[in-house]
Amino acid sequence: MRTVHVVTHPEATHHVERVVGGWHDSELTDAGLRAAASAAKALRARIPDGAEVQLFSSDLRRTRQTAEEIAAALGVPPVLDRRLREKSYGEAEGRPQEWLDRRFVPPPEAGERLDHDEGVEGSETKAAWARRVYAAMDAIVRLPCAQQVVVTHGGSLTFVVAHWIGMPLETVGRAAFRAPSGSITTLHEDGYFHNRQVVGLGDARHLESA
């Protein structure tokens, strides 16, 4: 039996500044820090006392700050993994969102979507992005631990969930799982049939008092 708790980082400075995130190393706002503490408290309540816990996080500052709050609550150090980062937007990162919006080429309704060129120099394709998140999840689920926490980004959450339910990489061109910033998505695998469930997607109830 295994439960994976996936936390999307809360509000960061790039959100309020309306600049492109991606690998731009923004940090949590004051509101984001309060939300991270609330997520940590919620996880402490959900994970049984005495259970072995593993904590993994994207290495960007906003996810690292979130993971530090969770680490303090659970008493485990975070393992930083750059493969859990958000999509790289290349030369758009840190620029105003409107700069990207003017240049962005959306994927076609039909045809090639995974290797689609979005028109921004240095930007990752969806295929490259998905491939590295899948590789991170391959490594995480190989570890024999019943309670795992993964701290990542809103966009990368899609590929964490897609990996969990066994979607082949070549089929994720249209996949999109959305969750609020600072929310917790709960994934569960039973110990008998080894079936995998998405128990809760983007639970944000703990943020109501943050």
N, C-alpha and C. Protein backbone atom coordinates (compact mmCIF):
# COMPACT_ATOMS: atom_id res chain seq x y z
N MET A 1 0.84 -1.20 0.00
CA MET A 1 0.00 0.00 0.00
C MET A 1 0.88 1.24 0.00
N ARG A 2 0.48 2.24 -0.76
CA ARG A 2 1.27 3.47 -0.87
C ARG A 2 0.33 4.65 -1.07
N THR A 3 0.66 5.76 -0.43
CA THR A 3 -0.04 7.01 -0.66
C THR A 3 0.99 8.08 -1.02
N VAL A 4 0.74 8.78 -2.11
CA VAL A 4 1.60 9.88 -2.53
C VAL A 4 0.79 11.17 -2.42
N HIS A 5 1.31 12.10 -1.65
CA HIS A 5 0.67 13.40 -1.45
C HIS A 5 1.42 14.42 -2.31
N VAL A 6 0.75 14.99 -3.30
CA VAL A 6 1.41 15.89 -4.24
C VAL A 6 0.98 17.33 -3.93
N VAL A 7 1.95 18.15 -3.58
CA VAL A 7 1.68 19.54 -3.21
C VAL A 7 2.16 20.46 -4.34
N THR A 8 1.26 21.31 -4.83
CA THR A 8 1.68 22.35 -5.78
C THR A 8 2.03 23.59 -4.97
N HIS A 9 3.16 24.20 -5.27
CA HIS A 9 3.61 25.33 -4.45
C HIS A 9 2.57 26.44 -4.44
N PRO A 10 2.46 27.16 -3.32
CA PRO A 10 1.50 28.27 -3.23
C PRO A 10 1.97 29.51 -3.98
N GLU A 11 1.27 30.61 -3.73
CA GLU A 11 1.53 31.87 -4.43
C GLU A 11 2.99 32.29 -4.34
N ALA A 12 3.56 32.60 -5.50
CA ALA A 12 4.96 33.06 -5.58
C ALA A 12 5.00 34.44 -6.22
N THR A 13 6.17 35.06 -6.13
CA THR A 13 6.28 36.44 -6.62
C THR A 13 5.97 36.57 -8.11
N HIS A 14 6.27 35.54 -8.89
CA HIS A 14 5.99 35.67 -10.33
C HIS A 14 4.49 35.72 -10.60
N HIS A 15 3.68 35.15 -9.69
CA HIS A 15 2.23 35.24 -9.86
C HIS A 15 1.76 36.69 -9.72
N VAL A 16 2.19 37.35 -8.66
CA VAL A 16 1.70 38.71 -8.39
C VAL A 16 2.37 39.74 -9.29
N GLU A 17 3.56 39.44 -9.76
CA GLU A 17 4.26 40.37 -10.66
C GLU A 17 3.85 40.18 -12.11
N ARG A 18 3.07 39.13 -12.38
CA ARG A 18 2.59 38.82 -13.73
C ARG A 18 3.75 38.63 -14.70
N VAL A 19 4.76 37.88 -14.23
CA VAL A 19 5.85 37.51 -15.12
C VAL A 19 5.84 36.00 -15.30
N VAL A 20 6.52 35.54 -16.32
CA VAL A 20 6.54 34.12 -16.65
C VAL A 20 7.37 33.37 -15.60
N GLY A 21 6.82 32.27 -15.11
CA GLY A 21 7.50 31.46 -14.11
C GLY A 21 8.49 30.51 -14.74
N GLY A 22 8.04 29.29 -15.00
CA GLY A 22 8.96 28.30 -15.55
C GLY A 22 10.13 28.08 -14.63
N TRP A 23 11.35 28.20 -15.15
CA TRP A 23 12.55 28.03 -14.34
C TRP A 23 13.02 29.35 -13.73
N HIS A 24 12.30 30.44 -13.96
CA HIS A 24 12.57 31.70 -13.27
C HIS A 24 12.45 31.44 -11.78
N ASP A 25 13.50 31.77 -11.02
CA ASP A 25 13.57 31.32 -9.63
C ASP A 25 12.87 32.29 -8.67
N SER A 26 11.56 32.39 -8.79
CA SER A 26 10.79 33.25 -7.90
C SER A 26 10.68 32.61 -6.52
N GLU A 27 10.24 33.40 -5.55
CA GLU A 27 10.08 32.90 -4.19
C GLU A 27 8.64 33.07 -3.73
N LEU A 28 8.28 32.41 -2.66
CA LEU A 28 6.93 32.52 -2.13
C LEU A 28 6.69 33.92 -1.57
N THR A 29 5.47 34.41 -1.77
CA THR A 29 5.05 35.65 -1.13
C THR A 29 4.73 35.36 0.33
N ASP A 30 4.41 36.40 1.09
CA ASP A 30 4.00 36.19 2.48
C ASP A 30 2.76 35.29 2.54
N ALA A 31 1.82 35.53 1.62
CA ALA A 31 0.63 34.68 1.57
C ALA A 31 1.01 33.25 1.20
N GLY A 32 1.97 33.11 0.30
CA GLY A 32 2.43 31.78 -0.09
C GLY A 32 3.08 31.04 1.06
N LEU A 33 3.85 31.74 1.87
CA LEU A 33 4.48 31.12 3.03
C LEU A 33 3.43 30.64 4.04
N ARG A 34 2.38 31.44 4.23
CA ARG A 34 1.31 31.02 5.14
C ARG A 34 0.59 29.79 4.59
N ALA A 35 0.38 29.78 3.27
CA ALA A 35 -0.28 28.63 2.64
C ALA A 35 0.59 27.38 2.73
N ALA A 36 1.90 27.54 2.58
CA ALA A 36 2.81 26.40 2.71
C ALA A 36 2.75 25.82 4.11
N ALA A 37 2.68 26.69 5.12
CA ALA A 37 2.57 26.22 6.50
C ALA A 37 1.25 25.48 6.71
N SER A 38 0.19 25.97 6.08
CA SER A 38 -1.12 25.29 6.20
C SER A 38 -1.09 23.93 5.53
N ALA A 39 -0.42 23.83 4.38
CA ALA A 39 -0.30 22.54 3.70
C ALA A 39 0.50 21.57 4.55
N ALA A 40 1.56 22.06 5.18
CA ALA A 40 2.37 21.22 6.05
C ALA A 40 1.55 20.69 7.22
N LYS A 41 0.75 21.56 7.81
CA LYS A 41 -0.11 21.16 8.93
C LYS A 41 -1.13 20.12 8.49
N ALA A 42 -1.70 20.31 7.28
CA ALA A 42 -2.68 19.35 6.76
C ALA A 42 -2.04 17.98 6.52
N LEU A 43 -0.83 17.97 6.00
CA LEU A 43 -0.13 16.70 5.77
C LEU A 43 0.19 16.00 7.09
N ARG A 44 0.60 16.77 8.08
CA ARG A 44 0.89 16.18 9.38
C ARG A 44 -0.34 15.49 9.95
N ALA A 45 -1.52 16.07 9.69
CA ALA A 45 -2.77 15.47 10.18
C ALA A 45 -3.17 14.24 9.38
N ARG A 46 -2.78 14.18 8.12
CA ARG A 46 -3.18 13.06 7.24
C ARG A 46 -2.26 11.86 7.36
N ILE A 47 -1.00 12.08 7.65
CA ILE A 47 -0.02 10.99 7.66
C ILE A 47 0.07 10.42 9.07
N PRO A 48 -0.10 9.12 9.23
CA PRO A 48 -0.11 8.52 10.57
C PRO A 48 1.19 8.77 11.33
N ASP A 49 1.07 9.04 12.62
CA ASP A 49 2.26 9.20 13.46
C ASP A 49 3.11 7.94 13.41
N GLY A 50 4.39 8.11 13.32
CA GLY A 50 5.31 6.98 13.30
C GLY A 50 5.52 6.36 11.95
N ALA A 51 4.75 6.78 10.93
CA ALA A 51 4.91 6.22 9.59
C ALA A 51 6.21 6.73 8.96
N GLU A 52 6.86 5.86 8.21
CA GLU A 52 8.01 6.30 7.43
C GLU A 52 7.52 7.21 6.32
N VAL A 53 8.19 8.34 6.14
CA VAL A 53 7.79 9.32 5.13
C VAL A 53 9.01 9.71 4.31
N GLN A 54 8.81 9.85 3.02
CA GLN A 54 9.84 10.40 2.13
C GLN A 54 9.30 11.68 1.50
N LEU A 55 10.16 12.67 1.37
CA LEU A 55 9.77 13.98 0.85
C LEU A 55 10.67 14.35 -0.32
N PHE A 56 10.04 14.64 -1.46
CA PHE A 56 10.76 15.00 -2.68
C PHE A 56 10.26 16.36 -3.16
N SER A 57 11.15 17.14 -3.76
CA SER A 57 10.75 18.47 -4.19
C SER A 57 11.56 18.93 -5.40
N SER A 58 10.91 19.69 -6.25
CA SER A 58 11.63 20.48 -7.25
C SER A 58 12.65 21.35 -6.52
N ASP A 59 13.76 21.64 -7.19
CA ASP A 59 14.83 22.40 -6.54
C ASP A 59 14.68 23.91 -6.68
N LEU A 60 13.64 24.39 -7.36
CA LEU A 60 13.46 25.84 -7.47
C LEU A 60 13.05 26.42 -6.12
N ARG A 61 13.35 27.70 -5.92
CA ARG A 61 13.20 28.31 -4.59
C ARG A 61 11.77 28.21 -4.05
N ARG A 62 10.77 28.45 -4.89
CA ARG A 62 9.39 28.46 -4.40
C ARG A 62 8.94 27.08 -3.93
N THR A 63 9.37 26.03 -4.62
CA THR A 63 9.04 24.68 -4.17
C THR A 63 9.91 24.27 -3.00
N ARG A 64 11.16 24.71 -3.01
CA ARG A 64 12.05 24.39 -1.89
C ARG A 64 11.54 25.01 -0.59
N GLN A 65 11.04 26.25 -0.66
CA GLN A 65 10.48 26.89 0.53
C GLN A 65 9.25 26.12 1.02
N THR A 66 8.43 25.66 0.09
CA THR A 66 7.26 24.87 0.47
C THR A 66 7.69 23.57 1.14
N ALA A 67 8.68 22.91 0.55
CA ALA A 67 9.16 21.65 1.10
C ALA A 67 9.78 21.83 2.48
N GLU A 68 10.41 22.97 2.71
CA GLU A 68 11.02 23.22 4.02
C GLU A 68 9.97 23.29 5.12
N GLU A 69 8.82 23.89 4.81
CA GLU A 69 7.72 23.93 5.78
C GLU A 69 7.22 22.51 6.08
N ILE A 70 7.10 21.71 5.03
CA ILE A 70 6.62 20.33 5.19
C ILE A 70 7.65 19.50 5.94
N ALA A 71 8.92 19.71 5.63
CA ALA A 71 9.99 18.97 6.31
C ALA A 71 9.97 19.23 7.81
N ALA A 72 9.74 20.48 8.19
CA ALA A 72 9.71 20.82 9.61
C ALA A 72 8.53 20.14 10.30
N ALA A 73 7.40 20.03 9.61
CA ALA A 73 6.22 19.40 10.21
C ALA A 73 6.35 17.88 10.31
N LEU A 74 7.01 17.28 9.32
CA LEU A 74 7.08 15.82 9.26
C LEU A 74 8.39 15.26 9.83
N GLY A 75 9.37 16.12 10.01
CA GLY A 75 10.64 15.66 10.57
C GLY A 75 11.49 14.85 9.60
N VAL A 76 11.36 15.15 8.31
CA VAL A 76 12.17 14.46 7.30
C VAL A 76 12.79 15.50 6.37
N PRO A 77 14.02 15.28 5.91
CA PRO A 77 14.63 16.24 5.00
C PRO A 77 14.10 16.06 3.58
N PRO A 78 13.99 17.16 2.82
CA PRO A 78 13.55 17.03 1.43
C PRO A 78 14.69 16.57 0.52
N VAL A 79 14.34 15.74 -0.45
CA VAL A 79 15.27 15.35 -1.51
C VAL A 79 14.95 16.22 -2.72
N LEU A 80 15.89 17.05 -3.13
CA LEU A 80 15.65 17.98 -4.23
C LEU A 80 15.94 17.31 -5.57
N ASP A 81 15.02 17.48 -6.51
CA ASP A 81 15.14 16.83 -7.81
C ASP A 81 14.73 17.82 -8.89
N ARG A 82 15.67 18.27 -9.69
CA ARG A 82 15.39 19.28 -10.72
C ARG A 82 14.43 18.75 -11.79
N ARG A 83 14.26 17.45 -11.87
CA ARG A 83 13.34 16.89 -12.86
C ARG A 83 11.88 17.20 -12.52
N LEU A 84 11.61 17.61 -11.28
CA LEU A 84 10.26 17.98 -10.86
C LEU A 84 9.94 19.45 -11.12
N ARG A 85 10.86 20.16 -11.77
CA ARG A 85 10.62 21.57 -12.07
C ARG A 85 9.43 21.77 -13.00
N GLU A 86 8.96 23.02 -13.04
CA GLU A 86 7.97 23.44 -14.03
C GLU A 86 8.59 23.38 -15.42
N LYS A 87 7.77 23.51 -16.42
CA LYS A 87 8.25 23.61 -17.80
C LYS A 87 9.19 24.80 -17.95
N SER A 88 10.24 24.63 -18.71
CA SER A 88 11.12 25.74 -19.03
C SER A 88 10.53 26.53 -20.20
N TYR A 89 10.43 27.85 -20.01
CA TYR A 89 9.93 28.72 -21.07
C TYR A 89 11.05 29.48 -21.77
N GLY A 90 12.28 29.01 -21.60
CA GLY A 90 13.39 29.59 -22.34
C GLY A 90 13.54 31.08 -22.12
N GLU A 91 13.67 31.83 -23.22
CA GLU A 91 13.93 33.25 -23.12
C GLU A 91 12.75 34.05 -22.57
N ALA A 92 11.60 33.42 -22.40
CA ALA A 92 10.44 34.13 -21.86
C ALA A 92 10.47 34.22 -20.33
N GLU A 93 11.27 33.39 -19.68
CA GLU A 93 11.24 33.33 -18.23
C GLU A 93 11.64 34.65 -17.58
N GLY A 94 10.81 35.08 -16.62
CA GLY A 94 11.05 36.34 -15.93
C GLY A 94 10.56 37.56 -16.67
N ARG A 95 10.14 37.39 -17.93
CA ARG A 95 9.58 38.50 -18.70
C ARG A 95 8.09 38.65 -18.38
N PRO A 96 7.50 39.80 -18.70
CA PRO A 96 6.07 39.96 -18.50
C PRO A 96 5.27 38.88 -19.22
N GLN A 97 4.20 38.42 -18.60
CA GLN A 97 3.39 37.37 -19.20
C GLN A 97 2.87 37.79 -20.57
N GLU A 98 2.58 39.08 -20.72
CA GLU A 98 2.07 39.56 -22.01
C GLU A 98 3.11 39.40 -23.11
N TRP A 99 4.40 39.47 -22.77
CA TRP A 99 5.46 39.26 -23.75
C TRP A 99 5.36 37.85 -24.33
N LEU A 100 5.15 36.87 -23.44
CA LEU A 100 5.01 35.49 -23.90
C LEU A 100 3.71 35.30 -24.67
N ASP A 101 2.63 35.90 -24.17
CA ASP A 101 1.33 35.73 -24.82
C ASP A 101 1.35 36.19 -26.27
N ARG A 102 2.11 37.24 -26.56
CA ARG A 102 2.16 37.76 -27.93
C ARG A 102 2.91 36.84 -28.88
N ARG A 103 3.81 36.02 -28.34
CA ARG A 103 4.67 35.18 -29.18
C ARG A 103 4.30 33.70 -29.18
N PHE A 104 3.51 33.31 -28.21
CA PHE A 104 3.22 31.89 -28.01
C PHE A 104 2.40 31.32 -29.17
N VAL A 105 2.84 30.17 -29.67
CA VAL A 105 2.12 29.47 -30.74
C VAL A 105 1.46 28.24 -30.11
N PRO A 106 0.13 28.24 -29.96
CA PRO A 106 -0.53 27.11 -29.30
C PRO A 106 -0.45 25.85 -30.14
N PRO A 107 -0.54 24.69 -29.50
CA PRO A 107 -0.48 23.42 -30.25
C PRO A 107 -1.71 23.26 -31.13
N PRO A 108 -1.58 22.50 -32.20
CA PRO A 108 -2.71 22.28 -33.11
C PRO A 108 -3.76 21.39 -32.47
N GLU A 109 -4.99 21.54 -32.93
CA GLU A 109 -6.07 20.67 -32.44
C GLU A 109 -5.79 19.22 -32.82
N ALA A 110 -5.28 19.02 -34.00
CA ALA A 110 -4.92 17.68 -34.47
C ALA A 110 -3.48 17.72 -34.96
N GLY A 111 -2.83 16.56 -34.91
CA GLY A 111 -1.45 16.50 -35.38
C GLY A 111 -0.47 16.47 -34.22
N GLU A 112 0.76 16.86 -34.47
CA GLU A 112 1.83 16.76 -33.48
C GLU A 112 1.64 17.78 -32.35
N ARG A 113 1.50 17.29 -31.14
CA ARG A 113 1.34 18.16 -29.98
C ARG A 113 2.51 18.04 -29.00
N LEU A 114 3.09 16.86 -28.86
CA LEU A 114 4.15 16.67 -27.89
C LEU A 114 5.44 17.38 -28.29
N ASP A 115 5.80 17.34 -29.55
CA ASP A 115 7.02 17.99 -30.03
C ASP A 115 6.75 19.32 -30.71
N HIS A 116 5.58 19.87 -30.48
CA HIS A 116 5.18 21.15 -31.07
C HIS A 116 6.12 22.28 -30.64
N ASP A 117 6.52 23.11 -31.60
CA ASP A 117 7.36 24.28 -31.34
C ASP A 117 6.45 25.46 -31.00
N GLU A 118 6.58 25.97 -29.78
CA GLU A 118 5.70 27.04 -29.31
C GLU A 118 6.18 28.43 -29.72
N GLY A 119 7.29 28.51 -30.43
CA GLY A 119 7.73 29.79 -30.97
C GLY A 119 8.58 30.62 -30.03
N VAL A 120 9.03 30.04 -28.92
CA VAL A 120 9.85 30.78 -27.94
C VAL A 120 11.22 30.11 -27.84
N GLU A 121 12.25 30.86 -28.11
CA GLU A 121 13.61 30.31 -28.11
C GLU A 121 13.95 29.67 -26.77
N GLY A 122 14.43 28.43 -26.81
CA GLY A 122 14.87 27.74 -25.60
C GLY A 122 13.77 27.09 -24.79
N SER A 123 12.53 27.22 -25.21
CA SER A 123 11.42 26.64 -24.47
C SER A 123 11.40 25.12 -24.63
N GLU A 124 11.09 24.42 -23.55
CA GLU A 124 10.96 22.96 -23.62
C GLU A 124 9.73 22.57 -24.42
N THR A 125 9.82 21.48 -25.14
CA THR A 125 8.63 20.89 -25.72
C THR A 125 7.86 20.16 -24.62
N LYS A 126 6.60 19.89 -24.88
CA LYS A 126 5.82 19.13 -23.92
C LYS A 126 6.40 17.73 -23.74
N ALA A 127 6.96 17.17 -24.81
CA ALA A 127 7.56 15.84 -24.73
C ALA A 127 8.74 15.83 -23.77
N ALA A 128 9.64 16.81 -23.89
CA ALA A 128 10.81 16.87 -23.02
C ALA A 128 10.40 17.08 -21.57
N TRP A 129 9.45 17.95 -21.36
CA TRP A 129 8.93 18.25 -20.03
C TRP A 129 8.34 16.99 -19.38
N ALA A 130 7.45 16.33 -20.11
CA ALA A 130 6.82 15.12 -19.59
C ALA A 130 7.84 14.02 -19.31
N ARG A 131 8.81 13.90 -20.20
CA ARG A 131 9.80 12.83 -20.07
C ARG A 131 10.59 12.97 -18.77
N ARG A 132 10.98 14.19 -18.41
CA ARG A 132 11.79 14.33 -17.20
C ARG A 132 10.94 14.15 -15.94
N VAL A 133 9.67 14.60 -15.95
CA VAL A 133 8.81 14.37 -14.78
C VAL A 133 8.53 12.88 -14.63
N TYR A 134 8.30 12.19 -15.73
CA TYR A 134 8.12 10.73 -15.67
C TYR A 134 9.35 10.05 -15.09
N ALA A 135 10.54 10.51 -15.48
CA ALA A 135 11.77 9.91 -14.96
C ALA A 135 11.88 10.11 -13.45
N ALA A 136 11.50 11.30 -12.98
CA ALA A 136 11.51 11.55 -11.54
C ALA A 136 10.53 10.63 -10.83
N MET A 137 9.34 10.47 -11.38
CA MET A 137 8.34 9.61 -10.75
C MET A 137 8.74 8.14 -10.82
N ASP A 138 9.40 7.73 -11.89
CA ASP A 138 9.94 6.36 -11.94
C ASP A 138 10.82 6.09 -10.73
N ALA A 139 11.71 7.04 -10.44
CA ALA A 139 12.64 6.88 -9.32
C ALA A 139 11.92 6.88 -7.98
N ILE A 140 10.91 7.73 -7.85
CA ILE A 140 10.18 7.84 -6.57
C ILE A 140 9.40 6.58 -6.27
N VAL A 141 8.66 6.07 -7.24
CA VAL A 141 7.80 4.91 -6.95
C VAL A 141 8.59 3.61 -6.86
N ARG A 142 9.83 3.62 -7.28
CA ARG A 142 10.67 2.43 -7.08
C ARG A 142 11.06 2.26 -5.61
N LEU A 143 10.98 3.32 -4.85
CA LEU A 143 11.37 3.28 -3.45
C LEU A 143 10.26 2.68 -2.60
N PRO A 144 10.56 1.73 -1.72
CA PRO A 144 9.53 1.07 -0.93
C PRO A 144 9.15 1.89 0.30
N CYS A 145 8.24 2.83 0.11
CA CYS A 145 7.80 3.68 1.22
C CYS A 145 6.29 3.90 1.09
N ALA A 146 5.56 3.73 2.18
CA ALA A 146 4.10 3.79 2.14
C ALA A 146 3.55 5.21 2.12
N GLN A 147 4.35 6.19 2.55
CA GLN A 147 3.91 7.59 2.58
C GLN A 147 4.98 8.46 1.93
N GLN A 148 4.62 9.05 0.80
CA GLN A 148 5.56 9.91 0.09
C GLN A 148 4.90 11.25 -0.21
N VAL A 149 5.70 12.30 -0.15
CA VAL A 149 5.23 13.64 -0.47
C VAL A 149 6.07 14.18 -1.62
N VAL A 150 5.40 14.72 -2.62
CA VAL A 150 6.07 15.30 -3.79
C VAL A 150 5.64 16.75 -3.90
N VAL A 151 6.60 17.67 -3.86
CA VAL A 151 6.31 19.10 -4.00
C VAL A 151 6.74 19.54 -5.40
N THR A 152 5.79 20.02 -6.16
CA THR A 152 6.09 20.38 -7.55
C THR A 152 5.30 21.62 -7.95
N HIS A 153 5.08 21.79 -9.24
CA HIS A 153 4.46 22.98 -9.80
C HIS A 153 3.12 22.62 -10.44
N GLY A 154 2.28 23.64 -10.64
CA GLY A 154 0.95 23.39 -11.17
C GLY A 154 0.96 22.71 -12.53
N GLY A 155 1.86 23.10 -13.42
CA GLY A 155 1.93 22.47 -14.72
C GLY A 155 2.45 21.05 -14.65
N SER A 156 3.49 20.83 -13.86
CA SER A 156 4.10 19.51 -13.77
C SER A 156 3.21 18.49 -13.07
N LEU A 157 2.24 18.99 -12.29
CA LEU A 157 1.28 18.08 -11.65
C LEU A 157 0.63 17.15 -12.67
N THR A 158 0.33 17.66 -13.85
CA THR A 158 -0.30 16.84 -14.89
C THR A 158 0.49 15.57 -15.14
N PHE A 159 1.80 15.67 -15.22
CA PHE A 159 2.59 14.50 -15.57
C PHE A 159 2.85 13.60 -14.36
N VAL A 160 2.80 14.16 -13.17
CA VAL A 160 2.86 13.32 -11.97
C VAL A 160 1.63 12.41 -11.93
N VAL A 161 0.46 12.99 -12.16
CA VAL A 161 -0.78 12.22 -12.13
C VAL A 161 -0.84 11.24 -13.30
N ALA A 162 -0.46 11.72 -14.49
CA ALA A 162 -0.50 10.85 -15.68
C ALA A 162 0.41 9.64 -15.49
N HIS A 163 1.58 9.85 -14.92
CA HIS A 163 2.49 8.74 -14.64
C HIS A 163 1.84 7.78 -13.65
N TRP A 164 1.22 8.32 -12.61
CA TRP A 164 0.63 7.49 -11.56
C TRP A 164 -0.43 6.54 -12.13
N ILE A 165 -1.26 7.04 -13.04
CA ILE A 165 -2.34 6.21 -13.58
C ILE A 165 -1.91 5.40 -14.80
N GLY A 166 -0.61 5.48 -15.13
CA GLY A 166 -0.08 4.60 -16.16
C GLY A 166 -0.29 5.06 -17.59
N MET A 167 -0.47 6.36 -17.81
CA MET A 167 -0.60 6.86 -19.19
C MET A 167 0.75 6.76 -19.89
N PRO A 168 0.84 6.07 -21.02
CA PRO A 168 2.10 6.06 -21.77
C PRO A 168 2.49 7.48 -22.17
N LEU A 169 3.77 7.74 -22.21
CA LEU A 169 4.24 9.08 -22.55
C LEU A 169 3.66 9.60 -23.87
N GLU A 170 3.54 8.73 -24.83
CA GLU A 170 3.09 9.19 -26.15
C GLU A 170 1.62 9.59 -26.17
N THR A 171 0.89 9.35 -25.07
CA THR A 171 -0.54 9.67 -25.03
C THR A 171 -0.86 10.93 -24.23
N VAL A 172 0.17 11.61 -23.69
CA VAL A 172 -0.12 12.73 -22.78
C VAL A 172 -0.24 14.08 -23.49
N GLY A 173 -0.27 14.07 -24.80
CA GLY A 173 -0.34 15.32 -25.55
C GLY A 173 -1.55 16.16 -25.24
N ARG A 174 -2.64 15.54 -24.82
CA ARG A 174 -3.86 16.27 -24.47
C ARG A 174 -4.16 16.26 -22.98
N ALA A 175 -3.30 15.64 -22.19
CA ALA A 175 -3.57 15.53 -20.75
C ALA A 175 -3.41 16.88 -20.06
N ALA A 176 -4.31 17.16 -19.12
CA ALA A 176 -4.23 18.39 -18.32
C ALA A 176 -5.02 18.17 -17.03
N PHE A 177 -4.31 18.07 -15.93
CA PHE A 177 -4.93 17.98 -14.61
C PHE A 177 -4.65 19.29 -13.89
N ARG A 178 -5.70 19.99 -13.51
CA ARG A 178 -5.54 21.31 -12.91
C ARG A 178 -5.81 21.27 -11.41
N ALA A 179 -5.03 22.03 -10.66
CA ALA A 179 -5.19 22.11 -9.22
C ALA A 179 -4.76 23.49 -8.76
N PRO A 180 -5.40 24.03 -7.71
CA PRO A 180 -5.02 25.36 -7.22
C PRO A 180 -3.61 25.37 -6.63
N SER A 181 -3.00 26.53 -6.65
CA SER A 181 -1.69 26.69 -6.01
C SER A 181 -1.83 26.38 -4.52
N GLY A 182 -0.88 25.64 -3.99
CA GLY A 182 -0.90 25.30 -2.57
C GLY A 182 -1.79 24.14 -2.21
N SER A 183 -2.38 23.50 -3.21
CA SER A 183 -3.31 22.40 -2.94
C SER A 183 -2.58 21.07 -2.78
N ILE A 184 -3.32 20.08 -2.31
CA ILE A 184 -2.78 18.73 -2.13
C ILE A 184 -3.58 17.75 -2.97
N THR A 185 -2.91 17.01 -3.81
CA THR A 185 -3.51 15.93 -4.59
C THR A 185 -3.08 14.60 -3.97
N THR A 186 -4.05 13.73 -3.72
CA THR A 186 -3.76 12.46 -3.04
C THR A 186 -3.88 11.29 -4.01
N LEU A 187 -2.79 10.54 -4.13
CA LEU A 187 -2.73 9.36 -5.00
C LEU A 187 -2.55 8.14 -4.11
N HIS A 188 -3.26 7.07 -4.43
CA HIS A 188 -3.21 5.88 -3.57
C HIS A 188 -3.11 4.61 -4.40
N GLU A 189 -2.28 3.69 -3.92
CA GLU A 189 -2.17 2.36 -4.52
C GLU A 189 -2.49 1.33 -3.45
N ASP A 190 -3.46 0.46 -3.72
CA ASP A 190 -3.80 -0.54 -2.71
C ASP A 190 -2.74 -1.65 -2.69
N GLY A 191 -2.68 -2.35 -1.57
CA GLY A 191 -1.63 -3.34 -1.38
C GLY A 191 -1.99 -4.73 -1.84
N TYR A 192 -3.18 -4.91 -2.42
CA TYR A 192 -3.62 -6.24 -2.85
C TYR A 192 -3.66 -6.34 -4.37
N PHE A 193 -4.51 -5.52 -4.99
CA PHE A 193 -4.59 -5.51 -6.46
C PHE A 193 -3.53 -4.60 -7.08
N HIS A 194 -2.97 -3.70 -6.27
CA HIS A 194 -2.01 -2.70 -6.76
C HIS A 194 -2.64 -1.79 -7.80
N ASN A 195 -3.94 -1.57 -7.65
CA ASN A 195 -4.61 -0.58 -8.48
C ASN A 195 -4.27 0.82 -7.94
N ARG A 196 -4.26 1.78 -8.84
CA ARG A 196 -3.91 3.15 -8.45
C ARG A 196 -5.11 4.08 -8.64
N GLN A 197 -5.32 4.90 -7.63
CA GLN A 197 -6.43 5.84 -7.63
C GLN A 197 -5.93 7.28 -7.51
N VAL A 198 -6.71 8.20 -8.06
CA VAL A 198 -6.58 9.61 -7.74
C VAL A 198 -7.69 9.88 -6.73
N VAL A 199 -7.32 9.87 -5.46
CA VAL A 199 -8.31 9.97 -4.40
C VAL A 199 -8.86 11.39 -4.29
N GLY A 200 -8.00 12.35 -4.45
CA GLY A 200 -8.43 13.74 -4.41
C GLY A 200 -7.51 14.59 -5.26
N LEU A 201 -8.10 15.42 -6.12
CA LEU A 201 -7.31 16.27 -7.02
C LEU A 201 -7.44 17.73 -6.57
N GLY A 202 -6.32 18.31 -6.15
CA GLY A 202 -6.31 19.74 -5.85
C GLY A 202 -7.13 20.13 -4.63
N ASP A 203 -7.05 19.37 -3.56
CA ASP A 203 -7.77 19.70 -2.33
C ASP A 203 -7.17 20.97 -1.72
N ALA A 204 -7.99 22.00 -1.56
CA ALA A 204 -7.50 23.28 -1.05
C ALA A 204 -8.21 23.70 0.23
N ARG A 205 -8.89 22.78 0.89
CA ARG A 205 -9.65 23.14 2.10
C ARG A 205 -8.76 23.70 3.20
N HIS A 206 -7.51 23.22 3.27
CA HIS A 206 -6.60 23.70 4.30
C HIS A 206 -6.20 25.16 4.09
N LEU A 207 -6.47 25.70 2.90
CA LEU A 207 -6.07 27.08 2.60
C LEU A 207 -7.12 28.10 3.01
N GLU A 208 -8.27 27.63 3.43
CA GLU A 208 -9.37 28.55 3.74
C GLU A 208 -9.02 29.50 4.88
N SER A 209 -8.17 29.06 5.80
CA SER A 209 -7.80 29.92 6.92
C SER A 209 -6.36 30.42 6.83
N ALA A 210 -5.72 30.19 5.68
CA ALA A 210 -4.31 30.59 5.53
C ALA A 210 -4.16 32.09 5.36
